[in-house]
Protein backbone atom coordinates (compact mmCIF):
# COMPACT_ATOMS: atom_id res chain seq x y z
CA MET A 1 6.42 -0.53 26.13
CA ARG A 2 9.56 0.03 24.69
CA SER A 3 11.50 -3.54 25.82
CA ALA A 4 10.63 -5.49 22.80
CA SER A 5 11.53 -8.93 20.97
CA PHE A 6 11.77 -7.51 17.71
CA ILE A 7 11.85 -9.23 14.62
CA SER A 8 12.59 -7.51 11.40
CA ILE A 9 11.13 -9.59 8.45
CA LEU A 10 10.71 -10.55 4.79
CA THR A 11 8.34 -12.93 4.93
CA PHE A 12 6.22 -15.43 8.16
CA ALA A 13 5.56 -18.70 7.97
CA THR A 14 1.87 -18.05 7.57
CA LEU A 15 -1.17 -20.61 9.11
CA PRO A 16 -5.37 -19.97 7.55
CA LEU A 17 -7.85 -18.62 9.98
CA LYS A 18 -9.80 -21.40 10.87
CA ALA A 19 -13.11 -21.47 9.51
CA GLN A 20 -15.15 -19.47 10.92
CA PRO A 21 -19.05 -19.83 10.74
CA SER A 22 -20.89 -16.76 10.99
CA ASN A 23 -21.57 -13.80 13.49
CA GLN A 24 -18.90 -15.93 15.68
CA TRP A 25 -15.59 -13.91 16.52
CA ALA A 26 -12.61 -15.57 15.82
CA SER A 27 -8.94 -14.11 16.73
CA LEU A 28 -6.57 -12.55 14.01
CA PHE A 29 -3.51 -12.50 16.58
CA ASN A 30 -1.80 -14.62 19.08
CA SER A 31 0.37 -12.52 20.87
CA LYS A 32 3.21 -14.82 20.55
CA ASP A 33 3.86 -14.87 16.39
CA LEU A 34 2.76 -13.04 13.19
CA SER A 35 0.96 -16.75 12.14
CA GLY A 36 -1.69 -15.63 9.77
CA TRP A 37 0.03 -11.92 9.09
CA HIS A 38 2.12 -11.22 5.65
CA ILE A 39 4.35 -7.82 4.54
CA GLN A 40 2.66 -6.58 1.28
CA LYS A 41 3.89 -8.99 -1.24
CA GLU A 42 4.33 -5.71 -4.13
CA LYS A 43 6.06 -2.86 -3.51
CA GLY A 44 3.49 0.55 -2.73
CA GLN A 45 2.93 3.88 -2.12
CA HIS A 46 4.58 3.92 1.34
CA GLY A 47 7.05 1.45 1.06
CA SER A 48 8.15 -2.26 0.83
CA GLY A 49 5.96 -3.25 4.16
CA GLY A 50 7.95 -1.51 7.66
CA ASN A 51 9.01 -4.22 10.64
CA TRP A 52 6.84 -5.24 12.57
CA GLY A 53 7.08 -7.71 15.55
CA ILE A 54 5.59 -8.83 19.15
CA THR A 55 6.66 -6.78 22.87
CA GLU A 56 7.61 -8.98 25.66
CA ASP A 57 4.15 -8.44 26.82
CA GLY A 58 2.06 -10.29 23.29
CA CYS A 59 1.77 -6.53 21.63
CA LEU A 60 1.94 -6.15 17.78
CA PHE A 61 4.19 -3.24 16.45
CA GLY A 62 5.25 -1.97 13.79
CA GLU A 63 7.52 0.87 12.20
CA GLN A 64 9.49 1.66 9.35
CA ASN A 65 12.04 -0.62 7.38
CA PRO A 66 14.84 0.57 9.08
CA PRO A 67 13.69 3.24 12.15
CA GLY A 68 13.53 6.47 10.62
CA SER A 69 14.36 5.89 6.73
CA GLY A 70 10.94 6.60 5.49
CA ASN A 71 10.21 3.14 3.92
CA GLY A 72 6.62 1.94 5.31
CA GLY A 73 4.02 -0.35 4.04
CA LEU A 74 1.16 -2.79 5.36
CA LEU A 75 0.95 -5.74 7.24
CA LEU A 76 -1.98 -7.59 5.90
CA SER A 77 -3.73 -10.69 7.18
CA ASP A 78 -3.33 -14.09 5.40
CA THR A 79 -7.41 -14.20 5.34
CA SER A 80 -9.65 -12.12 2.86
CA PHE A 81 -12.18 -10.92 3.99
CA SER A 82 -15.42 -8.83 1.96
CA GLU A 83 -18.36 -8.81 4.90
CA PHE A 84 -17.20 -8.09 8.15
CA GLU A 85 -16.63 -6.58 11.68
CA LEU A 86 -13.67 -6.58 13.07
CA GLU A 87 -12.69 -4.76 16.97
CA LEU A 88 -8.46 -4.17 17.83
CA SER A 89 -6.98 -2.13 20.48
CA PHE A 90 -4.44 0.51 19.32
CA LYS A 91 -1.64 2.86 20.88
CA PRO A 92 0.02 5.02 18.74
CA ASP A 93 2.88 7.19 19.24
CA TRP A 94 2.58 11.19 19.21
CA GLY A 95 3.67 11.14 15.90
CA PRO A 96 2.92 8.53 13.57
CA ASP A 97 1.03 8.20 10.73
CA SER A 98 -1.23 5.30 10.15
CA GLY A 99 -4.24 3.09 9.99
CA VAL A 100 -5.84 0.31 9.53
CA PHE A 101 -6.79 -0.87 5.16
CA VAL A 102 -9.78 -3.38 4.65
CA ARG A 103 -10.35 -4.85 1.29
CA THR A 104 -6.69 -4.33 0.73
CA ASP A 105 -4.68 -5.32 -2.05
CA GLU A 106 -1.35 -6.98 -2.30
CA ARG A 107 0.21 -3.35 -2.73
CA GLY A 108 -1.02 -2.25 0.15
CA GLY A 109 -4.57 -0.08 -1.94
CA GLY A 110 -7.70 -0.19 -0.50
CA TRP A 111 -10.19 1.86 2.59
CA GLN A 112 -8.70 3.16 5.17
CA ILE A 113 -9.41 4.52 8.74
CA TYR A 114 -7.09 6.88 9.61
CA ILE A 115 -5.08 6.37 12.78
CA ASP A 116 -2.98 9.67 12.16
CA HIS A 117 -2.07 10.52 15.84
CA HIS A 118 -0.16 13.52 15.11
CA ASP A 119 -0.71 17.64 14.42
CA ASN A 120 -3.93 17.89 12.12
CA GLY A 121 -4.35 14.25 12.64
CA ASN A 122 -7.32 12.19 12.59
CA VAL A 123 -8.55 8.94 13.83
CA GLY A 124 -11.74 6.86 12.83
CA HIS A 125 -12.88 8.54 9.99
CA ILE A 126 -12.56 7.24 5.78
CA ARG A 127 -10.17 7.78 2.95
CA LEU A 128 -9.92 5.48 -0.38
CA GLU A 129 -5.99 4.98 -0.75
CA THR A 130 -4.76 3.63 -3.58
CA LYS A 131 -1.80 4.94 -5.62
CA PRO A 132 -3.74 5.42 -8.68
CA TYR A 133 -6.62 7.13 -6.85
CA SER A 134 -7.30 8.59 -3.49
CA VAL A 135 -9.41 10.23 -1.66
CA ALA A 136 -9.73 11.66 1.71
CA PHE A 137 -13.14 12.05 3.27
CA ARG A 138 -12.08 13.91 7.09
CA PRO A 139 -14.29 16.45 7.99
CA PHE A 140 -11.98 17.35 10.85
CA GLY A 141 -8.36 17.13 12.85
CA PHE A 142 -6.92 17.63 15.94
CA SER A 143 -3.65 19.21 16.92
CA ARG A 144 -1.47 19.18 20.46
CA ILE A 145 -2.10 22.25 22.48
CA HIS A 146 1.11 21.99 23.38
CA PRO A 147 4.25 20.43 22.12
CA THR A 148 4.77 17.97 25.10
CA LYS A 149 0.98 17.25 26.67
CA PRO A 150 -1.38 14.93 25.65
CA GLU A 151 -4.48 17.75 25.66
CA LEU A 152 -6.19 18.31 22.32
CA LYS A 153 -7.92 20.60 20.38
CA MET A 154 -10.11 20.48 17.72
CA GLU A 155 -10.91 22.56 13.85
CA PRO A 156 -12.49 21.52 11.05
CA ASP A 157 -10.55 20.52 7.85
CA ARG A 158 -8.69 23.13 6.02
CA ARG A 159 -10.16 21.14 2.61
CA PRO A 160 -13.85 22.62 1.80
CA GLU A 161 -14.95 19.84 0.04
CA ASN A 162 -14.39 17.55 3.15
CA LEU A 163 -16.96 19.68 4.54
CA THR A 164 -19.44 19.19 1.75
CA GLU A 165 -22.83 18.20 3.43
CA GLY A 166 -23.78 14.27 2.84
CA VAL A 167 -19.94 12.88 2.66
CA TYR A 168 -21.31 11.19 5.34
CA GLU A 169 -24.24 9.41 6.26
CA GLU A 170 -23.41 10.21 10.40
CA THR A 171 -20.63 11.11 11.63
CA CYS A 172 -20.01 11.99 15.80
CA THR A 173 -18.98 16.05 16.38
CA GLN A 174 -16.02 17.79 17.30
CA GLU A 175 -16.70 17.72 21.19
CA GLU A 176 -17.45 14.39 21.06
CA PHE A 177 -14.83 12.40 19.59
CA LEU A 178 -12.44 14.63 22.38
CA ALA A 179 -14.57 12.68 25.10
CA ALA A 180 -14.26 9.32 23.77
CA TRP A 181 -10.69 9.55 23.04
CA LYS A 182 -7.99 8.62 25.39
CA THR A 183 -4.32 10.47 24.79
CA GLU A 184 -1.13 8.35 25.88
CA ASP A 185 -3.28 5.37 26.35
CA TRP A 186 -5.59 2.02 25.15
CA ASN A 187 -8.49 2.65 22.63
CA ARG A 188 -11.08 0.39 21.05
CA MET A 189 -12.17 0.43 17.40
CA ARG A 190 -14.65 -1.49 15.88
CA ILE A 191 -14.90 -1.34 12.03
CA ARG A 192 -18.58 -2.86 10.13
CA VAL A 193 -17.82 -3.21 6.36
CA THR A 194 -20.86 -4.16 4.65
CA GLY A 195 -21.92 -3.41 0.83
CA GLY A 196 -20.67 -4.35 -2.29
CA GLU A 197 -18.10 -2.71 -4.49
CA LEU A 198 -18.15 0.38 -3.15
CA PRO A 199 -18.69 -0.30 0.66
CA ILE A 200 -20.60 0.91 3.40
CA ILE A 201 -17.70 1.44 6.22
CA GLU A 202 -18.99 2.36 10.25
CA THR A 203 -16.45 2.78 12.71
CA TRP A 204 -16.90 3.09 16.47
CA ILE A 205 -13.65 4.10 18.80
CA ASN A 206 -14.74 3.60 22.62
CA GLY A 207 -18.44 3.13 22.32
CA LEU A 208 -19.08 5.74 20.80
CA LYS A 209 -19.77 6.05 16.76
CA ILE A 210 -17.29 8.03 14.71
CA CYS A 211 -19.04 7.77 11.21
CA ARG A 212 -20.96 5.96 8.68
CA PHE A 213 -19.98 6.14 5.41
CA ASP A 214 -21.45 5.27 1.73
CA ALA A 215 -19.34 5.47 -1.10
CA SER A 216 -22.10 4.91 -3.49
CA LYS A 217 -23.97 7.60 -2.22
CA THR A 218 -21.45 9.82 -0.63
CA LYS A 219 -21.48 13.79 -2.35
CA HIS A 220 -18.05 14.51 -1.73
CA PRO A 221 -17.49 16.59 -4.97
CA LYS A 222 -13.82 15.19 -5.69
CA PHE A 223 -15.09 11.31 -5.55
CA ASN A 224 -15.85 9.92 -8.71
CA THR A 225 -17.43 6.44 -8.28
CA GLU A 226 -16.14 5.17 -11.66
CA LYS A 227 -12.34 5.71 -11.08
CA ALA A 228 -12.72 4.45 -7.40
CA ARG A 229 -14.58 0.73 -9.11
CA LYS A 230 -11.40 0.73 -11.16
CA VAL A 231 -8.86 0.61 -8.13
CA VAL A 232 -10.88 -0.98 -5.32
CA GLN A 233 -12.01 -4.36 -5.14
CA PRO A 234 -15.29 -6.15 -3.43
CA ALA A 235 -12.89 -8.82 -0.52
CA GLY A 236 -9.44 -8.55 0.07
CA SER A 237 -7.39 -8.42 3.38
CA ILE A 238 -7.20 -6.23 6.60
CA GLY A 239 -4.15 -4.28 6.59
CA LEU A 240 -2.26 -2.10 9.67
CA GLN A 241 0.00 0.29 7.98
CA VAL A 242 3.21 1.82 8.81
CA HIS A 243 3.28 5.72 6.87
CA GLY A 244 6.15 6.06 4.52
CA GLY A 245 8.02 9.87 4.70
CA LYS A 246 10.92 11.19 6.45
CA HIS A 247 7.59 12.61 8.95
CA TRP A 248 7.88 9.31 11.16
CA GLN A 249 11.15 9.85 13.27
CA SER A 250 13.07 6.56 14.60
CA GLY A 251 11.88 4.90 17.77
CA TRP A 252 8.08 6.10 16.92
CA ARG A 253 5.53 2.80 16.89
CA THR A 254 2.47 1.91 16.43
CA TYR A 255 0.86 -0.57 18.88
CA TRP A 256 -1.79 -3.23 18.38
CA LYS A 257 -3.28 -6.37 20.10
CA ASP A 258 -6.93 -8.14 20.81
CA ILE A 259 -7.89 -8.07 17.15
CA ARG A 260 -10.58 -10.45 16.45
CA VAL A 261 -12.92 -10.15 13.26
CA ARG A 262 -16.21 -12.24 12.01
CA ARG A 263 -18.24 -12.06 9.42
CA MET A 264 -21.61 -10.74 8.30
């Protein structure tokens, strides 16, 4: 997977997503180039955008720009979405902090579905992440049992507010996640976003329902709906994240393929 036709970019030639009838899937990635995507237009909390390219076998990859520099950011769909389902396959190296963002703005702010593939990490739960206001909704995390082996162990999140009853309407157990997750292999994620300004977000990994989160009803004690309404938007881009910061080492990447979407 390391062999790649590398593309370091500031802007891409863009093509609009074709008109898409309701309930019909449309591809968001053609496996050849980055048509239909662009780097965030404004610098955000993770940086100016990251490096994005295509591997020889037609997968999308992301890394810091330059690698290991601390400068990350988001790759955003040219098309805006409000209520939709998204499916994609992903394979992160061990160590990167990444995610899928929905209803995202040009600074890379929006609702994040975690892909934090590192010690004390999480995949599939939700975070509100904008520069003015962010809140994590993360009931548990995983770490490696041994630094160089793929087996994972699970533990509750360290922040007691994330364990409050009613944070999620539904969430899988730690044991269910471990049974579904394929370490060092491709995993398939499904995301459903519905609702108004404060969305309902549902996620699945390899067929397992990870969570159902209703931002208008969550009982997370540190979440303020009025603050959230000031920083979120009812529609926006789909975003793929390269996290900023020095913890992301040179050579680490996240890989993506088979990205498709349908409006609801």
